[in-house]
Amino acid sequence: MNLREQYEQFQKETLSSYATLPQNSKGRVFDAQKCDLRTDFQRDRDKIIHSKAFRRLKHKTQVFVTPE
């Protein structure tokens, strides 16, 4: 059993019954080779965090004005 499978088993045992587990996902539009270390959800998260568009938001601040 590789590290990804161990992590998926850990998630299955510890997460809420309402959580979406990586092994129950519908899959991908384009087939990608399974990684031995990270789940598909972890790979998707890393793609977003390390994308150029997301990195441009690094030093931005959100300001909310409350109407009176």
N, C-alpha and C. Protein backbone atom coordinates (compact mmCIF):
# COMPACT_ATOMS: atom_id res chain seq x y z
N MET A 1 0.86 -1.17 0.00
CA MET A 1 0.00 0.00 0.00
C MET A 1 0.91 1.24 0.00
N ASN A 2 0.72 2.13 -1.00
CA ASN A 2 1.56 3.32 -1.08
C ASN A 2 1.00 4.44 -0.20
N LEU A 3 1.72 5.54 -0.15
CA LEU A 3 1.37 6.65 0.73
C LEU A 3 0.00 7.25 0.40
N ARG A 4 -0.32 7.40 -0.88
CA ARG A 4 -1.62 7.95 -1.29
C ARG A 4 -2.76 7.07 -0.79
N GLU A 5 -2.63 5.77 -0.94
CA GLU A 5 -3.67 4.84 -0.50
C GLU A 5 -3.83 4.86 1.02
N GLN A 6 -2.72 5.00 1.74
CA GLN A 6 -2.79 5.09 3.20
C GLN A 6 -3.53 6.37 3.61
N TYR A 7 -3.24 7.48 2.92
CA TYR A 7 -3.90 8.75 3.24
C TYR A 7 -5.39 8.68 2.92
N GLU A 8 -5.75 8.05 1.81
CA GLU A 8 -7.16 7.91 1.46
C GLU A 8 -7.89 7.06 2.50
N GLN A 9 -7.24 6.03 3.00
CA GLN A 9 -7.83 5.19 4.04
C GLN A 9 -8.01 5.99 5.33
N PHE A 10 -7.02 6.81 5.67
CA PHE A 10 -7.10 7.66 6.85
C PHE A 10 -8.28 8.63 6.73
N GLN A 11 -8.45 9.24 5.54
CA GLN A 11 -9.56 10.15 5.32
C GLN A 11 -10.90 9.43 5.46
N LYS A 12 -10.98 8.25 4.93
CA LYS A 12 -12.22 7.47 4.99
C LYS A 12 -12.62 7.18 6.43
N GLU A 13 -11.62 6.96 7.29
CA GLU A 13 -11.90 6.63 8.69
C GLU A 13 -12.20 7.86 9.54
N THR A 14 -11.64 9.02 9.18
CA THR A 14 -11.71 10.17 10.08
C THR A 14 -12.66 11.28 9.63
N LEU A 15 -12.89 11.45 8.33
CA LEU A 15 -13.72 12.55 7.86
C LEU A 15 -15.21 12.27 8.09
N SER A 16 -15.97 13.32 8.07
CA SER A 16 -17.42 13.22 8.23
C SER A 16 -18.03 12.40 7.10
N SER A 17 -19.18 11.85 7.36
CA SER A 17 -19.87 11.07 6.32
C SER A 17 -20.36 11.98 5.19
N TYR A 18 -20.42 13.29 5.44
CA TYR A 18 -20.84 14.25 4.42
C TYR A 18 -19.68 14.69 3.51
N ALA A 19 -18.46 14.37 3.89
CA ALA A 19 -17.29 14.79 3.11
C ALA A 19 -17.20 14.01 1.80
N THR A 20 -16.68 14.67 0.79
CA THR A 20 -16.44 14.01 -0.49
C THR A 20 -15.04 13.42 -0.47
N LEU A 21 -14.95 12.13 -0.63
CA LEU A 21 -13.66 11.46 -0.59
C LEU A 21 -13.07 11.37 -2.00
N PRO A 22 -11.75 11.46 -2.11
CA PRO A 22 -11.12 11.41 -3.43
C PRO A 22 -11.46 10.14 -4.21
N GLN A 23 -11.56 9.03 -3.53
CA GLN A 23 -11.83 7.77 -4.24
C GLN A 23 -13.27 7.69 -4.75
N ASN A 24 -14.16 8.60 -4.29
CA ASN A 24 -15.55 8.61 -4.74
C ASN A 24 -15.82 9.71 -5.77
N SER A 25 -14.78 10.39 -6.23
CA SER A 25 -14.99 11.46 -7.20
C SER A 25 -15.41 10.88 -8.55
N LYS A 26 -16.02 11.71 -9.38
CA LYS A 26 -16.48 11.26 -10.69
C LYS A 26 -15.34 11.08 -11.68
N GLY A 27 -14.18 11.54 -11.32
CA GLY A 27 -13.03 11.40 -12.21
C GLY A 27 -12.69 12.71 -12.90
N ARG A 28 -11.91 12.61 -13.93
CA ARG A 28 -11.43 13.77 -14.64
C ARG A 28 -11.88 13.74 -16.09
N VAL A 29 -11.97 14.92 -16.69
CA VAL A 29 -12.31 15.00 -18.11
C VAL A 29 -11.17 14.40 -18.93
N PHE A 30 -9.95 14.78 -18.56
CA PHE A 30 -8.76 14.24 -19.23
C PHE A 30 -8.06 13.30 -18.27
N ASP A 31 -7.80 12.10 -18.71
CA ASP A 31 -7.15 11.12 -17.85
C ASP A 31 -5.75 11.58 -17.48
N ALA A 32 -5.42 11.43 -16.20
CA ALA A 32 -4.09 11.76 -15.71
C ALA A 32 -3.57 10.55 -14.94
N GLN A 33 -2.28 10.38 -15.00
CA GLN A 33 -1.66 9.26 -14.32
C GLN A 33 -1.76 9.47 -12.80
N LYS A 34 -2.12 8.42 -12.08
CA LYS A 34 -2.24 8.50 -10.62
C LYS A 34 -0.86 8.69 -10.00
N CYS A 35 -0.81 9.57 -9.01
CA CYS A 35 0.43 9.84 -8.28
C CYS A 35 0.49 8.89 -7.09
N ASP A 36 1.69 8.42 -6.74
CA ASP A 36 1.83 7.53 -5.58
C ASP A 36 1.82 8.28 -4.26
N LEU A 37 2.01 9.60 -4.30
CA LEU A 37 2.12 10.36 -3.06
C LEU A 37 0.88 11.18 -2.73
N ARG A 38 0.28 11.83 -3.72
CA ARG A 38 -0.81 12.77 -3.47
C ARG A 38 -2.12 12.28 -4.09
N THR A 39 -3.23 12.63 -3.43
CA THR A 39 -4.54 12.32 -3.98
C THR A 39 -4.85 13.29 -5.11
N ASP A 40 -5.89 13.03 -5.87
CA ASP A 40 -6.29 13.92 -6.96
C ASP A 40 -6.68 15.29 -6.42
N PHE A 41 -7.33 15.33 -5.26
CA PHE A 41 -7.73 16.60 -4.66
C PHE A 41 -6.51 17.42 -4.26
N GLN A 42 -5.49 16.77 -3.72
CA GLN A 42 -4.27 17.47 -3.34
C GLN A 42 -3.56 18.03 -4.57
N ARG A 43 -3.55 17.26 -5.65
CA ARG A 43 -2.91 17.74 -6.88
C ARG A 43 -3.66 18.93 -7.45
N ASP A 44 -5.00 18.91 -7.41
CA ASP A 44 -5.79 20.04 -7.90
C ASP A 44 -5.55 21.29 -7.06
N ARG A 45 -5.50 21.11 -5.73
CA ARG A 45 -5.23 22.24 -4.84
C ARG A 45 -3.87 22.86 -5.15
N ASP A 46 -2.86 22.03 -5.34
CA ASP A 46 -1.53 22.53 -5.64
C ASP A 46 -1.48 23.26 -6.98
N LYS A 47 -2.23 22.78 -7.96
CA LYS A 47 -2.27 23.47 -9.25
C LYS A 47 -2.84 24.87 -9.10
N ILE A 48 -3.87 25.02 -8.26
CA ILE A 48 -4.48 26.33 -8.05
C ILE A 48 -3.53 27.26 -7.29
N ILE A 49 -2.97 26.77 -6.19
CA ILE A 49 -2.12 27.61 -5.35
C ILE A 49 -0.87 28.07 -6.09
N HIS A 50 -0.33 27.25 -6.94
CA HIS A 50 0.91 27.59 -7.63
C HIS A 50 0.67 28.18 -9.02
N SER A 51 -0.58 28.46 -9.35
CA SER A 51 -0.87 29.06 -10.66
C SER A 51 -0.49 30.54 -10.65
N LYS A 52 -0.20 31.06 -11.82
CA LYS A 52 0.22 32.45 -11.96
C LYS A 52 -0.90 33.40 -11.51
N ALA A 53 -2.13 33.11 -11.89
CA ALA A 53 -3.26 33.97 -11.53
C ALA A 53 -3.45 34.05 -10.02
N PHE A 54 -3.30 32.95 -9.33
CA PHE A 54 -3.47 32.94 -7.88
C PHE A 54 -2.31 33.66 -7.19
N ARG A 55 -1.10 33.49 -7.70
CA ARG A 55 0.06 34.16 -7.10
C ARG A 55 -0.02 35.67 -7.25
N ARG A 56 -0.70 36.16 -8.29
CA ARG A 56 -0.85 37.61 -8.45
C ARG A 56 -1.69 38.21 -7.34
N LEU A 57 -2.52 37.42 -6.68
CA LEU A 57 -3.36 37.90 -5.59
C LEU A 57 -2.64 37.92 -4.25
N LYS A 58 -1.36 37.58 -4.24
CA LYS A 58 -0.60 37.39 -3.01
C LYS A 58 -0.66 38.58 -2.05
N HIS A 59 -0.46 39.79 -2.53
CA HIS A 59 -0.39 40.95 -1.64
C HIS A 59 -1.63 41.83 -1.73
N LYS A 60 -2.72 41.28 -2.18
CA LYS A 60 -3.97 42.03 -2.28
C LYS A 60 -4.77 41.91 -0.98
N THR A 61 -5.53 42.94 -0.69
CA THR A 61 -6.36 42.96 0.51
C THR A 61 -7.80 43.20 0.11
N GLN A 62 -8.71 42.47 0.72
CA GLN A 62 -10.13 42.69 0.48
C GLN A 62 -10.66 43.67 1.50
N VAL A 63 -11.39 44.67 1.05
CA VAL A 63 -11.98 45.65 1.94
C VAL A 63 -13.49 45.64 1.73
N PHE A 64 -14.23 45.44 2.81
CA PHE A 64 -15.68 45.43 2.75
C PHE A 64 -16.22 46.66 3.47
N VAL A 65 -17.08 47.40 2.81
CA VAL A 65 -17.70 48.56 3.42
C VAL A 65 -19.10 48.17 3.84
N THR A 66 -19.41 48.41 5.10
CA THR A 66 -20.75 48.08 5.57
C THR A 66 -21.68 49.27 5.37
N PRO A 67 -22.79 49.04 4.70
CA PRO A 67 -23.75 50.14 4.50
C PRO A 67 -24.43 50.51 5.82
N GLU A 68 -24.75 51.76 5.95
CA GLU A 68 -25.39 52.21 7.20
C GLU A 68 -26.89 52.28 7.04
